């Protein structure tokens, strides 16, 4: 629910809060068994990335994307990554 409404309230959240409080929870969606949830997680990163710290962008986020490109079998989701 919150991921689908992220575009509405992302401007009202401070960058440190996104990095420390929101990203750890949203990033669990990269490993979700439901393809729609993984896709929503990837799309949400477009909105969250400008507020993430460089360390998270360079280490954690890129690692999640690389892992998804190798393991994801759903072609549509692979295109989004």
Protein backbone atom coordinates (compact mmCIF):
# COMPACT_ATOMS: atom_id res chain seq x y z
CA UNK A 1 0.00 0.00 0.00
CA UNK A 2 2.62 2.55 1.03
CA UNK A 3 4.87 1.74 -1.91
CA UNK A 4 2.06 2.51 -4.33
CA UNK A 5 1.49 5.93 -2.69
CA UNK A 6 5.17 6.83 -2.34
CA UNK A 7 4.95 9.51 -5.03
CA UNK A 8 2.51 11.45 -2.84
CA UNK A 9 4.57 11.79 0.34
CA UNK A 10 8.22 11.32 -0.72
CA UNK A 11 8.87 15.07 -0.79
CA UNK A 12 7.87 15.36 2.86
CA UNK A 13 10.40 12.83 4.17
CA UNK A 14 13.94 13.84 5.10
CA UNK A 15 16.83 12.06 3.39
CA UNK A 16 18.29 10.58 6.61
CA UNK A 17 14.89 9.07 7.43
CA UNK A 18 14.70 7.45 4.00
CA UNK A 19 18.18 5.95 4.39
CA UNK A 20 17.82 4.71 7.96
CA UNK A 21 14.13 4.01 8.48
CA UNK A 22 12.43 3.42 5.12
CA UNK A 23 14.99 1.78 2.82
CA UNK A 24 15.73 -1.20 5.11
CA UNK A 25 12.04 -2.13 5.11
CA UNK A 26 11.35 -1.42 1.43
CA UNK A 27 14.46 -3.35 0.37
CA UNK A 28 12.94 -6.58 1.71
CA UNK A 29 10.69 -6.42 -1.35
CA UNK A 30 13.66 -7.30 -3.58
CA UNK A 31 13.53 -10.84 -2.14
CA UNK A 32 9.75 -11.20 -2.10
CA UNK A 33 8.31 -14.33 -3.67
CA UNK A 34 5.57 -12.35 -5.43
CA UNK A 35 6.80 -10.84 -8.74
CA UNK A 36 4.42 -7.87 -8.46
CA UNK A 37 5.96 -6.91 -5.11
CA UNK A 38 9.49 -7.16 -6.50
CA UNK A 39 8.45 -4.97 -9.43
CA UNK A 40 6.87 -2.38 -7.12
CA UNK A 41 10.07 -2.35 -5.06
CA UNK A 42 12.20 -1.69 -8.15
CA UNK A 43 9.89 1.11 -9.28
CA UNK A 44 9.91 2.68 -5.81
CA UNK A 45 13.68 3.00 -5.98
CA UNK A 46 13.25 5.63 -8.72
CA UNK A 47 11.49 7.78 -6.15
CA UNK A 48 13.68 6.93 -3.17
CA UNK A 49 17.13 6.97 -4.81
CA UNK A 50 17.60 10.77 -4.73
CA UNK A 51 17.16 10.66 -0.95
CA UNK A 52 19.40 7.67 -0.26
CA UNK A 53 22.93 8.06 1.02
CA UNK A 54 25.82 7.38 -1.35
CA UNK A 55 26.85 4.37 0.73
CA UNK A 56 23.44 2.75 0.30
CA UNK A 57 23.31 3.56 -3.41
CA UNK A 58 26.80 2.22 -4.09
CA UNK A 59 26.68 -0.86 -1.89
CA UNK A 60 23.25 -2.14 -0.99
CA UNK A 61 21.07 -0.96 -3.86
CA UNK A 62 23.47 -1.99 -6.61
CA UNK A 63 23.91 -5.38 -4.94
CA UNK A 64 20.12 -5.90 -4.91
CA UNK A 65 19.86 -4.93 -8.60
CA UNK A 66 22.74 -7.19 -9.61
CA UNK A 67 21.24 -10.11 -7.71
CA UNK A 68 17.85 -9.57 -9.33
CA UNK A 69 19.32 -9.51 -12.82
CA UNK A 70 20.88 -12.91 -12.22
CA UNK A 71 18.02 -14.59 -10.37
CA UNK A 72 14.82 -13.05 -11.75
CA UNK A 73 13.11 -15.20 -14.33
CA UNK A 74 10.22 -12.86 -15.03
CA UNK A 75 11.15 -11.02 -18.23
CA UNK A 76 9.08 -7.92 -17.54
CA UNK A 77 10.67 -7.40 -14.16
CA UNK A 78 14.14 -7.96 -15.57
CA UNK A 79 13.51 -5.10 -18.03
CA UNK A 80 12.73 -2.74 -15.15
CA UNK A 81 15.97 -3.57 -13.36
